[in-house]
Amino acid sequence: MAVVGLPCITYSRRYLDCHREGNAMSYGTTVRNELQVPTRELRHAIPWVYAGYKELHDSALAPGALDAKTKELIALAIAVSKECDGCIAAHAHAAVWHGATPQEAAEAIGVTFVMNGGPATVYGARAFAAFREFYDQRAAGDAPSGHGQPTGHGDGITQPNGHQHVD
């Protein structure tokens, strides 16, 4: 059964097809954009669930003994192990926002190889591509993907699972 608003082919296939055709397409931004409409529709259908998730998100990723950058790198590594493209895009973006470097992201992703084997080499590459995309945008002085700080709330902000809050 097809879900309205979601593409019929996988993102990775679309990403490769566009690159073969010579079109400049980003990894992280495309995933985030594709999830925007279906996420908004689901959020409007179950706002109380999203409110609970927002509270969990804020609590788990708030700076404490570990700073926000470290927590986002951990979340990025978990996203690779869970093979979640939306999570990868969201946490790559947030890690850049919190000051992570490409080397830090690469090493966090490298740990997933130990825990997840071969699939981590595939999703790890996707995560590093998304991270580099957002890192390069920030280095150029642009806000990554045209979105603000990745807090998980507010209009246009992506949650860690790739869901966006856009009314």
Foldseek 3Di string as FASTA:
>chain_A
DDDPLADPDDPVVVVVVCVVVVHDDAQLLVLLVSQAVVLQVVCVVCVVVLVVVLVVLCVQQPDDVHHNLVSLLLQCLVCQLVVQSLLLSQSLLQNVVVPDDLVSSLVSLVVSCVVRNPSSVVSSVSSSRSNVQQNVCVVVVHHRSNADNQSCDDAQHAHSNSYGDHD
